[in-house]
Amino acid sequence: MIMATIDAIPGKNLKTLGLVKGSVVKTKYIGHDFMAGLKNIVGGEIKGYTEMLREARDIATTRMQDEARALGADAIVGVRYISASVMDGSAEIVAYGTAVKFV
């Protein structure tokens, strides 16, 4: 599936099928929270959270693509990601865009 942050695919005529989205709330176990607290003191990347967010983006993207495929889409344009903290140690990631069919 073609995904683009721009609103068109160069050289293609598009029929809009509608908004598609995928979301997930992910958390890490208490051990990562402890290590994150230590990193807060000494500084540096919190690799457990970096990995958690990467996994969450992948899941949200897959769910958005599945929704687009169900509509018969060839591509998703205007792709965006947003995130929000739900509670300590967890985050929601939402992927969204416009499903389109090539005409």
C-alpha atoms as a PDB file:
ATOM      1  CA  MET A   1       0.000   0.000   0.000  1.00  0.00           C
ATOM      2  CA  ILE A   2       1.353   3.423  -0.959  1.00  0.00           C
ATOM      3  CA  MET A   3       1.375   5.898   1.918  1.00  0.00           C
ATOM      4  CA  ALA A   4       2.257   9.563   1.560  1.00  0.00           C
ATOM      5  CA  THR A   5       2.210  12.629   3.741  1.00  0.00           C
ATOM      6  CA  ILE A   6       1.317  14.758   0.715  1.00  0.00           C
ATOM      7  CA  ASP A   7      -2.284  15.108  -0.451  1.00  0.00           C
ATOM      8  CA  ALA A   8      -1.807  13.592  -3.905  1.00  0.00           C
ATOM      9  CA  ILE A   9       0.225  10.939  -5.687  1.00  0.00           C
ATOM     10  CA  PRO A  10       2.111  12.571  -8.572  1.00  0.00           C
ATOM     11  CA  GLY A  11       0.899  11.263 -11.933  1.00  0.00           C
ATOM     12  CA  LYS A  12      -2.217   9.593 -10.495  1.00  0.00           C
ATOM     13  CA  ASN A  13      -5.858  10.643 -10.558  1.00  0.00           C
ATOM     14  CA  LEU A  14      -7.450   9.830  -7.221  1.00  0.00           C
ATOM     15  CA  LYS A  15     -10.941   9.011  -6.023  1.00  0.00           C
ATOM     16  CA  THR A  16     -11.372   9.740  -2.319  1.00  0.00           C
ATOM     17  CA  LEU A  17     -12.771   6.832  -0.317  1.00  0.00           C
ATOM     18  CA  GLY A  18     -12.692   8.433   3.112  1.00  0.00           C
ATOM     19  CA  LEU A  19     -10.838   8.850   6.367  1.00  0.00           C
ATOM     20  CA  VAL A  20      -8.977   5.837   7.713  1.00  0.00           C
ATOM     21  CA  LYS A  21      -7.294   5.531  11.076  1.00  0.00           C
ATOM     22  CA  GLY A  22      -5.583   3.128  13.385  1.00  0.00           C
ATOM     23  CA  SER A  23      -4.802   3.528  17.057  1.00  0.00           C
ATOM     24  CA  VAL A  24      -3.208   1.694  19.942  1.00  0.00           C
ATOM     25  CA  VAL A  25      -2.393   2.355  23.590  1.00  0.00           C
ATOM     26  CA  LYS A  26       0.888   0.755  24.660  1.00  0.00           C
ATOM     27  CA  THR A  27       2.640   0.513  27.995  1.00  0.00           C
ATOM     28  CA  LYS A  28       5.877  -0.953  29.287  1.00  0.00           C
ATOM     29  CA  TYR A  29       6.285  -3.016  32.413  1.00  0.00           C
ATOM     30  CA  ILE A  30       7.397  -1.562  35.757  1.00  0.00           C
ATOM     31  CA  GLY A  31      11.082  -2.384  35.141  1.00  0.00           C
ATOM     32  CA  HIS A  32      11.194   0.110  32.282  1.00  0.00           C
ATOM     33  CA  ASP A  33       9.545   2.765  34.463  1.00  0.00           C
ATOM     34  CA  PHE A  34      12.263   2.254  37.060  1.00  0.00           C
ATOM     35  CA  MET A  35      15.025   2.560  34.453  1.00  0.00           C
ATOM     36  CA  ALA A  36      13.313   5.621  32.980  1.00  0.00           C
ATOM     37  CA  GLY A  37      13.393   7.235  36.417  1.00  0.00           C
ATOM     38  CA  LEU A  38      17.134   6.633  36.609  1.00  0.00           C
ATOM     39  CA  LYS A  39      17.648   8.075  33.111  1.00  0.00           C
ATOM     40  CA  ASN A  40      15.716  11.141  34.228  1.00  0.00           C
ATOM     41  CA  ILE A  41      18.452  11.755  36.796  1.00  0.00           C
ATOM     42  CA  VAL A  42      21.514  11.106  34.608  1.00  0.00           C
ATOM     43  CA  GLY A  43      20.090  11.911  31.168  1.00  0.00           C
ATOM     44  CA  GLY A  44      20.097   9.942  27.931  1.00  0.00           C
ATOM     45  CA  GLU A  45      17.727   8.060  25.695  1.00  0.00           C
ATOM     46  CA  ILE A  46      15.125   5.856  27.340  1.00  0.00           C
ATOM     47  CA  LYS A  47      15.406   2.951  24.926  1.00  0.00           C
ATOM     48  CA  GLY A  48      12.486   1.008  26.404  1.00  0.00           C
ATOM     49  CA  TYR A  49      10.117   3.874  25.654  1.00  0.00           C
ATOM     50  CA  THR A  50      11.648   4.471  22.236  1.00  0.00           C
ATOM     51  CA  GLU A  51      10.956   0.829  21.382  1.00  0.00           C
ATOM     52  CA  MET A  52       7.444   1.016  22.856  1.00  0.00           C
ATOM     53  CA  LEU A  53       6.589   4.007  20.652  1.00  0.00           C
ATOM     54  CA  ARG A  54       8.078   2.365  17.549  1.00  0.00           C
ATOM     55  CA  GLU A  55       5.963  -0.738  18.179  1.00  0.00           C
ATOM     56  CA  ALA A  56       2.881   1.422  18.752  1.00  0.00           C
ATOM     57  CA  ARG A  57       3.437   3.349  15.479  1.00  0.00           C
ATOM     58  CA  ASP A  58       3.802   0.050  13.597  1.00  0.00           C
ATOM     59  CA  ILE A  59       0.568  -1.325  15.067  1.00  0.00           C
ATOM     60  CA  ALA A  60      -1.365   1.906  14.417  1.00  0.00           C
ATOM     61  CA  THR A  61      -0.042   2.016  10.831  1.00  0.00           C
ATOM     62  CA  THR A  62      -1.038  -1.595  10.184  1.00  0.00           C
ATOM     63  CA  ARG A  63      -4.544  -0.963  11.537  1.00  0.00           C
ATOM     64  CA  MET A  64      -4.907   2.138   9.341  1.00  0.00           C
ATOM     65  CA  GLN A  65      -3.756   0.167   6.281  1.00  0.00           C
ATOM     66  CA  ASP A  66      -6.187  -2.676   7.087  1.00  0.00           C
ATOM     67  CA  GLU A  67      -9.049  -0.173   7.229  1.00  0.00           C
ATOM     68  CA  ALA A  68      -7.968   1.290   3.874  1.00  0.00           C
ATOM     69  CA  ARG A  69      -7.728  -2.163   2.267  1.00  0.00           C
ATOM     70  CA  ALA A  70     -11.260  -2.945   3.482  1.00  0.00           C
ATOM     71  CA  LEU A  71     -12.424   0.102   1.497  1.00  0.00           C
ATOM     72  CA  GLY A  72     -10.555  -1.097  -1.607  1.00  0.00           C
ATOM     73  CA  ALA A  73      -7.917   1.658  -1.419  1.00  0.00           C
ATOM     74  CA  ASP A  74      -4.730   1.713  -3.471  1.00  0.00           C
ATOM     75  CA  ALA A  75      -3.067   4.338  -1.280  1.00  0.00           C
ATOM     76  CA  ILE A  76      -3.394   6.558   1.768  1.00  0.00           C
ATOM     77  CA  VAL A  77      -2.570  10.241   1.390  1.00  0.00           C
ATOM     78  CA  GLY A  78      -2.202  12.960   3.991  1.00  0.00           C
ATOM     79  CA  VAL A  79      -0.827  10.455   6.510  1.00  0.00           C
ATOM     80  CA  ARG A  80      -0.291  11.888   9.991  1.00  0.00           C
ATOM     81  CA  TYR A  81       0.563  10.549  13.432  1.00  0.00           C
ATOM     82  CA  ILE A  82      -0.436  11.946  16.796  1.00  0.00           C
ATOM     83  CA  SER A  83       0.418  10.758  20.270  1.00  0.00           C
ATOM     84  CA  ALA A  84      -0.857  11.414  23.740  1.00  0.00           C
ATOM     85  CA  SER A  85       0.035  10.257  27.199  1.00  0.00           C
ATOM     86  CA  VAL A  86      -2.783   8.194  28.691  1.00  0.00           C
ATOM     87  CA  MET A  87      -1.162   7.563  32.088  1.00  0.00           C
ATOM     88  CA  ASP A  88       2.361   7.223  33.453  1.00  0.00           C
ATOM     89  CA  GLY A  89       4.323   4.835  31.289  1.00  0.00           C
ATOM     90  CA  SER A  90       1.766   4.547  28.498  1.00  0.00           C
ATOM     91  CA  ALA A  91       0.975   6.358  25.295  1.00  0.00           C
ATOM     92  CA  GLU A  92      -1.687   6.345  22.616  1.00  0.00           C
ATOM     93  CA  ILE A  93      -0.577   6.573  19.008  1.00  0.00           C
ATOM     94  CA  VAL A  94      -3.083   7.386  16.272  1.00  0.00           C
ATOM     95  CA  ALA A  95      -2.274   7.097  12.561  1.00  0.00           C
ATOM     96  CA  TYR A  96      -4.732   8.661  10.123  1.00  0.00           C
ATOM     97  CA  GLY A  97      -5.057   9.689   6.502  1.00  0.00           C
ATOM     98  CA  THR A  98      -7.335   9.646   3.472  1.00  0.00           C
ATOM     99  CA  ALA A  99      -7.875   6.375   1.634  1.00  0.00           C
ATOM    100  CA  VAL A 100      -7.838   6.801  -2.152  1.00  0.00           C
ATOM    101  CA  LYS A 101      -8.349   4.652  -5.250  1.00  0.00           C
ATOM    102  CA  PHE A 102      -6.479   5.227  -8.501  1.00  0.00           C
ATOM    103  CA  VAL A 103      -8.788   6.089 -11.415  1.00  0.00           C
END
